[in-house]
Amino acid sequence: ENVRALDAFGHVSVRSPSDPNSYFIAPGVSAGVVTAGDIVQRNVNDPDSQEFAVHAEVYKARPDVMAVVYGHTPEVIALTEASVQLRPVVNGGAFIGNGFPVFDVGSLDPQQPILADPALARGVADALGENRGVLLPGHGFVLTGPSVYQLMYGAYAMRMNSLSQQQAIALGGTVAHLDDVPVAPPP
């Protein structure tokens, strides 16, 4: 039961390389403690996938996406709640570009599980569009990648960027964002 409490920090999934309609995920287990026995395969059209509807809907909408994280990193959530937009301030955050779209889930019941609501998940996928990520005020974010490595690098870089941006704001003055840079996948 303690492990289940850790899943509040997010879930990672990876699209099957042999079946584009399937993905692998470890339900109910925090990404940091997943073992091979925790991983299950889900089909994007299978009702069992509704437990993780956000992942299924992103894979349906974006054939180019090979990995998804639905995360609740406090440093990123803080910028979804602030009047300050998440912007790149460090080189690792350059993929953020001019910011991510925002999908407002604030009008929903706070007890509503976003992962399990197919209509809400479609809204998240629609808001994502062709972007690398989408912010969910008060809930977290969805980030995508062309591989699990690039996804995890991006999630880490987004967290570090969020911390750096918040520290720069706390120091006062003007925060220097990276100029408009091409949004390229991380190495």
C-alpha atoms as a PDB file:
ATOM      1  CA  GLU A   1       0.000   0.000   0.000  1.00  0.00           C
ATOM      2  CA  ASN A   2       2.899   2.410   0.692  1.00  0.00           C
ATOM      3  CA  VAL A   3       4.157   1.918  -2.863  1.00  0.00           C
ATOM      4  CA  ARG A   4       0.735   2.951  -4.206  1.00  0.00           C
ATOM      5  CA  ALA A   5       1.059   6.261  -2.367  1.00  0.00           C
ATOM      6  CA  LEU A   6       4.204   6.984  -4.354  1.00  0.00           C
ATOM      7  CA  ASP A   7       2.371   6.763  -7.677  1.00  0.00           C
ATOM      8  CA  ALA A   8       1.061  10.261  -6.965  1.00  0.00           C
ATOM      9  CA  PHE A   9       4.266  11.547  -8.543  1.00  0.00           C
ATOM     10  CA  GLY A  10       3.296  10.188 -11.951  1.00  0.00           C
ATOM     11  CA  HIS A  11       3.304   7.324 -14.403  1.00  0.00           C
ATOM     12  CA  VAL A  12       5.537   6.541 -17.350  1.00  0.00           C
ATOM     13  CA  SER A  13       4.466   4.488 -20.348  1.00  0.00           C
ATOM     14  CA  VAL A  14       6.270   3.292 -23.463  1.00  0.00           C
ATOM     15  CA  ARG A  15       4.647   2.417 -26.788  1.00  0.00           C
ATOM     16  CA  SER A  16       5.274  -1.121 -27.995  1.00  0.00           C
ATOM     17  CA  PRO A  17       7.848  -1.133 -30.818  1.00  0.00           C
ATOM     18  CA  SER A  18       6.038  -4.049 -32.477  1.00  0.00           C
ATOM     19  CA  ASP A  19       2.418  -2.886 -32.050  1.00  0.00           C
ATOM     20  CA  PRO A  20       1.704   0.867 -32.283  1.00  0.00           C
ATOM     21  CA  ASN A  21      -1.691   0.337 -30.604  1.00  0.00           C
ATOM     22  CA  SER A  22      -0.125  -1.108 -27.447  1.00  0.00           C
ATOM     23  CA  TYR A  23       1.912   0.387 -24.662  1.00  0.00           C
ATOM     24  CA  PHE A  24       3.614  -0.796 -21.478  1.00  0.00           C
ATOM     25  CA  ILE A  25       2.916   0.725 -18.067  1.00  0.00           C
ATOM     26  CA  ALA A  26       3.285  -0.228 -14.402  1.00  0.00           C
ATOM     27  CA  PRO A  27      -0.114   0.519 -12.833  1.00  0.00           C
ATOM     28  CA  GLY A  28      -0.157   1.429  -9.172  1.00  0.00           C
ATOM     29  CA  VAL A  29       3.619   1.593  -8.850  1.00  0.00           C
ATOM     30  CA  SER A  30       5.842   4.659  -8.727  1.00  0.00           C
ATOM     31  CA  ALA A  31       8.241   4.843 -11.668  1.00  0.00           C
ATOM     32  CA  GLY A  32      11.207   4.755  -9.303  1.00  0.00           C
ATOM     33  CA  VAL A  33      10.351   1.326  -7.866  1.00  0.00           C
ATOM     34  CA  VAL A  34       9.027  -0.544 -10.920  1.00  0.00           C
ATOM     35  CA  THR A  35      10.167  -4.126 -11.396  1.00  0.00           C
ATOM     36  CA  ALA A  36       9.699  -6.272 -14.506  1.00  0.00           C
ATOM     37  CA  GLY A  37       6.794  -8.028 -12.800  1.00  0.00           C
ATOM     38  CA  ASP A  38       4.909  -4.735 -12.367  1.00  0.00           C
ATOM     39  CA  ILE A  39       4.769  -3.943 -16.097  1.00  0.00           C
ATOM     40  CA  VAL A  40       1.614  -4.714 -18.048  1.00  0.00           C
ATOM     41  CA  GLN A  41       0.772  -4.279 -21.708  1.00  0.00           C
ATOM     42  CA  ARG A  42      -2.334  -2.285 -22.611  1.00  0.00           C
ATOM     43  CA  ASN A  43      -4.077  -1.669 -25.936  1.00  0.00           C
ATOM     44  CA  VAL A  44      -5.146   1.931 -26.596  1.00  0.00           C
ATOM     45  CA  ASN A  45      -8.678   0.733 -27.481  1.00  0.00           C
ATOM     46  CA  ASP A  46      -9.059  -1.786 -24.641  1.00  0.00           C
ATOM     47  CA  PRO A  47     -11.424  -0.811 -21.807  1.00  0.00           C
ATOM     48  CA  ASP A  48      -8.668  -1.908 -19.390  1.00  0.00           C
ATOM     49  CA  SER A  49      -6.633   1.001 -20.763  1.00  0.00           C
ATOM     50  CA  GLN A  50      -9.125   3.433 -19.251  1.00  0.00           C
ATOM     51  CA  GLU A  51      -7.257   3.124 -15.962  1.00  0.00           C
ATOM     52  CA  PHE A  52      -4.630   5.196 -17.759  1.00  0.00           C
ATOM     53  CA  ALA A  53      -6.794   7.005 -20.297  1.00  0.00           C
ATOM     54  CA  VAL A  54      -4.349   9.927 -20.644  1.00  0.00           C
ATOM     55  CA  HIS A  55      -1.651   7.595 -21.968  1.00  0.00           C
ATOM     56  CA  ALA A  56      -4.043   5.785 -24.335  1.00  0.00           C
ATOM     57  CA  GLU A  57      -5.484   9.032 -25.735  1.00  0.00           C
ATOM     58  CA  VAL A  58      -2.048  10.590 -26.323  1.00  0.00           C
ATOM     59  CA  TYR A  59      -0.877   7.474 -28.187  1.00  0.00           C
ATOM     60  CA  LYS A  60      -4.059   7.491 -30.293  1.00  0.00           C
ATOM     61  CA  ALA A  61      -3.669  11.175 -31.162  1.00  0.00           C
ATOM     62  CA  ARG A  62       0.103  11.172 -31.722  1.00  0.00           C
ATOM     63  CA  PRO A  63       1.595   8.263 -33.716  1.00  0.00           C
ATOM     64  CA  ASP A  64       5.028   9.925 -33.382  1.00  0.00           C
ATOM     65  CA  VAL A  65       5.028   9.663 -29.585  1.00  0.00           C
ATOM     66  CA  MET A  66       6.850   6.630 -28.181  1.00  0.00           C
ATOM     67  CA  ALA A  67       6.769   7.488 -24.454  1.00  0.00           C
ATOM     68  CA  VAL A  68       4.498   9.484 -22.135  1.00  0.00           C
ATOM     69  CA  VAL A  69       4.799  10.706 -18.564  1.00  0.00           C
ATOM     70  CA  TYR A  70       1.866  12.061 -16.614  1.00  0.00           C
ATOM     71  CA  GLY A  71       3.623  13.759 -13.724  1.00  0.00           C
ATOM     72  CA  HIS A  72       2.938  15.702 -10.581  1.00  0.00           C
ATOM     73  CA  THR A  73       6.345  17.246  -9.904  1.00  0.00           C
ATOM     74  CA  PRO A  74       5.798  19.999  -7.291  1.00  0.00           C
ATOM     75  CA  GLU A  75       8.268  22.378  -8.972  1.00  0.00           C
ATOM     76  CA  VAL A  76       6.339  22.204 -12.243  1.00  0.00           C
ATOM     77  CA  ILE A  77       2.920  22.309 -10.555  1.00  0.00           C
ATOM     78  CA  ALA A  78       3.952  25.575  -8.869  1.00  0.00           C
ATOM     79  CA  LEU A  79       4.346  27.174 -12.309  1.00  0.00           C
ATOM     80  CA  THR A  80       0.961  25.840 -13.442  1.00  0.00           C
ATOM     81  CA  GLU A  81      -0.637  27.726 -10.542  1.00  0.00           C
ATOM     82  CA  ALA A  82       1.338  30.964 -10.850  1.00  0.00           C
ATOM     83  CA  SER A  83       0.792  33.936 -13.106  1.00  0.00           C
ATOM     84  CA  VAL A  84       4.305  33.223 -14.381  1.00  0.00           C
ATOM     85  CA  GLN A  85       4.516  31.067 -17.497  1.00  0.00           C
ATOM     86  CA  LEU A  86       6.930  28.140 -17.633  1.00  0.00           C
ATOM     87  CA  ARG A  87       9.688  29.321 -19.981  1.00  0.00           C
ATOM     88  CA  PRO A  88      13.169  28.011 -20.760  1.00  0.00           C
ATOM     89  CA  VAL A  89      15.859  29.599 -18.602  1.00  0.00           C
ATOM     90  CA  VAL A  90      18.550  26.896 -18.820  1.00  0.00           C
ATOM     91  CA  ASN A  91      19.899  25.047 -21.849  1.00  0.00           C
ATOM     92  CA  GLY A  92      18.300  21.751 -20.833  1.00  0.00           C
ATOM     93  CA  GLY A  93      14.908  23.464 -20.909  1.00  0.00           C
ATOM     94  CA  ALA A  94      15.225  24.787 -24.457  1.00  0.00           C
ATOM     95  CA  PHE A  95      12.623  22.263 -25.683  1.00  0.00           C
ATOM     96  CA  ILE A  96      10.000  24.206 -23.699  1.00  0.00           C
ATOM     97  CA  GLY A  97      10.245  26.895 -26.380  1.00  0.00           C
ATOM     98  CA  ASN A  98       7.677  29.634 -25.810  1.00  0.00           C
ATOM     99  CA  GLY A  99       5.901  27.520 -23.211  1.00  0.00           C
ATOM    100  CA  PHE A 100       3.435  24.652 -23.278  1.00  0.00           C
ATOM    101  CA  PRO A 101      -0.304  24.859 -23.793  1.00  0.00           C
ATOM    102  CA  VAL A 102      -2.441  24.745 -20.671  1.00  0.00           C
ATOM    103  CA  PHE A 103      -5.445  22.468 -20.225  1.00  0.00           C
ATOM    104  CA  ASP A 104      -7.568  23.802 -17.385  1.00  0.00           C
ATOM    105  CA  VAL A 105      -9.025  21.064 -15.250  1.00  0.00           C
ATOM    106  CA  GLY A 106      -9.863  23.487 -12.432  1.00  0.00           C
ATOM    107  CA  SER A 107     -13.602  23.283 -12.952  1.00  0.00           C
ATOM    108  CA  LEU A 108     -13.598  19.567 -12.177  1.00  0.00           C
ATOM    109  CA  ASP A 109     -14.166  17.863  -8.875  1.00  0.00           C
ATOM    110  CA  PRO A 110     -10.716  17.648  -7.228  1.00  0.00           C
ATOM    111  CA  GLN A 111     -11.445  13.997  -6.495  1.00  0.00           C
ATOM    112  CA  GLN A 112     -11.945  13.260 -10.216  1.00  0.00           C
ATOM    113  CA  PRO A 113      -9.156  10.919 -11.382  1.00  0.00           C
ATOM    114  CA  ILE A 114      -7.853  12.494 -14.576  1.00  0.00           C
ATOM    115  CA  LEU A 115      -6.147   9.278 -15.595  1.00  0.00           C
ATOM    116  CA  ALA A 116      -9.403   7.338 -15.655  1.00  0.00           C
ATOM    117  CA  ASP A 117     -11.696   9.810 -17.448  1.00  0.00           C
ATOM    118  CA  PRO A 118     -11.595   9.135 -21.233  1.00  0.00           C
ATOM    119  CA  ALA A 119     -13.338  12.417 -22.165  1.00  0.00           C
ATOM    120  CA  LEU A 120     -10.952  14.434 -20.027  1.00  0.00           C
ATOM    121  CA  ALA A 121      -8.014  12.446 -21.398  1.00  0.00           C
ATOM    122  CA  ARG A 122      -9.093  13.297 -24.965  1.00  0.00           C
ATOM    123  CA  GLY A 123      -9.169  16.958 -23.925  1.00  0.00           C
ATOM    124  CA  VAL A 124      -5.602  16.675 -22.653  1.00  0.00           C
ATOM    125  CA  ALA A 125      -4.502  15.001 -25.911  1.00  0.00           C
ATOM    126  CA  ASP A 126      -6.276  17.698 -27.965  1.00  0.00           C
ATOM    127  CA  ALA A 127      -4.630  20.472 -25.931  1.00  0.00           C
ATOM    128  CA  LEU A 128      -1.247  18.774 -26.379  1.00  0.00           C
ATOM    129  CA  GLY A 129      -1.604  19.051 -30.150  1.00  0.00           C
ATOM    130  CA  GLU A 130       1.818  18.819 -31.761  1.00  0.00           C
ATOM    131  CA  ASN A 131       3.570  20.161 -28.654  1.00  0.00           C
ATOM    132  CA  ARG A 132       5.958  18.160 -26.521  1.00  0.00           C
ATOM    133  CA  GLY A 133       3.974  18.794 -23.346  1.00  0.00           C
ATOM    134  CA  VAL A 134       0.836  20.248 -21.818  1.00  0.00           C
ATOM    135  CA  LEU A 135       0.428  21.781 -18.355  1.00  0.00           C
ATOM    136  CA  LEU A 136      -2.506  20.884 -16.105  1.00  0.00           C
ATOM    137  CA  PRO A 137      -3.003  23.638 -13.496  1.00  0.00           C
ATOM    138  CA  GLY A 138      -3.129  22.202 -10.010  1.00  0.00           C
ATOM    139  CA  HIS A 139      -2.538  18.673 -11.287  1.00  0.00           C
ATOM    140  CA  GLY A 140       0.774  18.512 -13.124  1.00  0.00           C
ATOM    141  CA  PHE A 141       1.731  17.920 -16.714  1.00  0.00           C
ATOM    142  CA  VAL A 142       1.848  15.465 -19.575  1.00  0.00           C
ATOM    143  CA  LEU A 143       5.151  15.238 -21.426  1.00  0.00           C
ATOM    144  CA  THR A 144       5.921  13.149 -24.507  1.00  0.00           C
ATOM    145  CA  GLY A 145       9.052  11.894 -26.174  1.00  0.00           C
ATOM    146  CA  PRO A 146      10.324   9.923 -29.159  1.00  0.00           C
ATOM    147  CA  SER A 147      11.972   7.474 -26.728  1.00  0.00           C
ATOM    148  CA  VAL A 148      11.870   6.728 -23.015  1.00  0.00           C
ATOM    149  CA  TYR A 149      15.407   8.127 -22.708  1.00  0.00           C
ATOM    150  CA  GLN A 150      14.439  11.460 -24.279  1.00  0.00           C
ATOM    151  CA  LEU A 151      11.241  11.522 -22.234  1.00  0.00           C
ATOM    152  CA  MET A 152      13.095  11.093 -18.943  1.00  0.00           C
ATOM    153  CA  TYR A 153      15.766  13.597 -19.959  1.00  0.00           C
ATOM    154  CA  GLY A 154      12.990  16.065 -20.802  1.00  0.00           C
ATOM    155  CA  ALA A 155      11.120  15.460 -17.532  1.00  0.00           C
ATOM    156  CA  TYR A 156      14.308  15.970 -15.522  1.00  0.00           C
ATOM    157  CA  ALA A 157      15.281  19.055 -17.536  1.00  0.00           C
ATOM    158  CA  MET A 158      11.782  20.515 -17.119  1.00  0.00           C
ATOM    159  CA  ARG A 159      12.015  20.039 -13.349  1.00  0.00           C
ATOM    160  CA  MET A 160      15.476  21.649 -13.206  1.00  0.00           C
ATOM    161  CA  ASN A 161      14.288  24.477 -15.457  1.00  0.00           C
ATOM    162  CA  SER A 162      11.273  25.049 -13.182  1.00  0.00           C
ATOM    163  CA  LEU A 163      13.529  25.196 -10.115  1.00  0.00           C
ATOM    164  CA  SER A 164      15.944  27.598 -11.824  1.00  0.00           C
ATOM    165  CA  GLN A 165      13.107  29.803 -13.041  1.00  0.00           C
ATOM    166  CA  GLN A 166      11.568  29.963  -9.557  1.00  0.00           C
ATOM    167  CA  GLN A 167      14.942  30.771  -7.973  1.00  0.00           C
ATOM    168  CA  ALA A 168      15.540  33.548 -10.498  1.00  0.00           C
ATOM    169  CA  ILE A 169      12.099  35.000  -9.770  1.00  0.00           C
ATOM    170  CA  ALA A 170      12.790  34.879  -6.026  1.00  0.00           C
ATOM    171  CA  LEU A 171      15.989  36.885  -6.536  1.00  0.00           C
ATOM    172  CA  GLY A 172      13.938  39.715  -8.043  1.00  0.00           C
ATOM    173  CA  GLY A 173      14.594  41.757 -11.114  1.00  0.00           C
ATOM    174  CA  THR A 174      14.019  40.524 -14.645  1.00  0.00           C
ATOM    175  CA  VAL A 175      14.270  36.834 -15.450  1.00  0.00           C
ATOM    176  CA  ALA A 176      16.188  36.201 -18.666  1.00  0.00           C
ATOM    177  CA  HIS A 177      14.550  33.506 -20.775  1.00  0.00           C
ATOM    178  CA  LEU A 178      16.358  31.786 -23.575  1.00  0.00           C
ATOM    179  CA  ASP A 179      15.638  33.563 -26.821  1.00  0.00           C
ATOM    180  CA  ASP A 180      13.382  31.857 -29.323  1.00  0.00           C
ATOM    181  CA  VAL A 181      15.354  28.733 -29.993  1.00  0.00           C
ATOM    182  CA  PRO A 182      14.482  25.850 -32.252  1.00  0.00           C
ATOM    183  CA  VAL A 183      12.695  23.169 -30.286  1.00  0.00           C
ATOM    184  CA  ALA A 184      14.898  20.147 -30.816  1.00  0.00           C
ATOM    185  CA  PRO A 185      14.726  16.846 -28.984  1.00  0.00           C
ATOM    186  CA  PRO A 186      17.345  16.443 -26.266  1.00  0.00           C
ATOM    187  CA  PRO A 187      20.301  14.131 -26.928  1.00  0.00           C
END
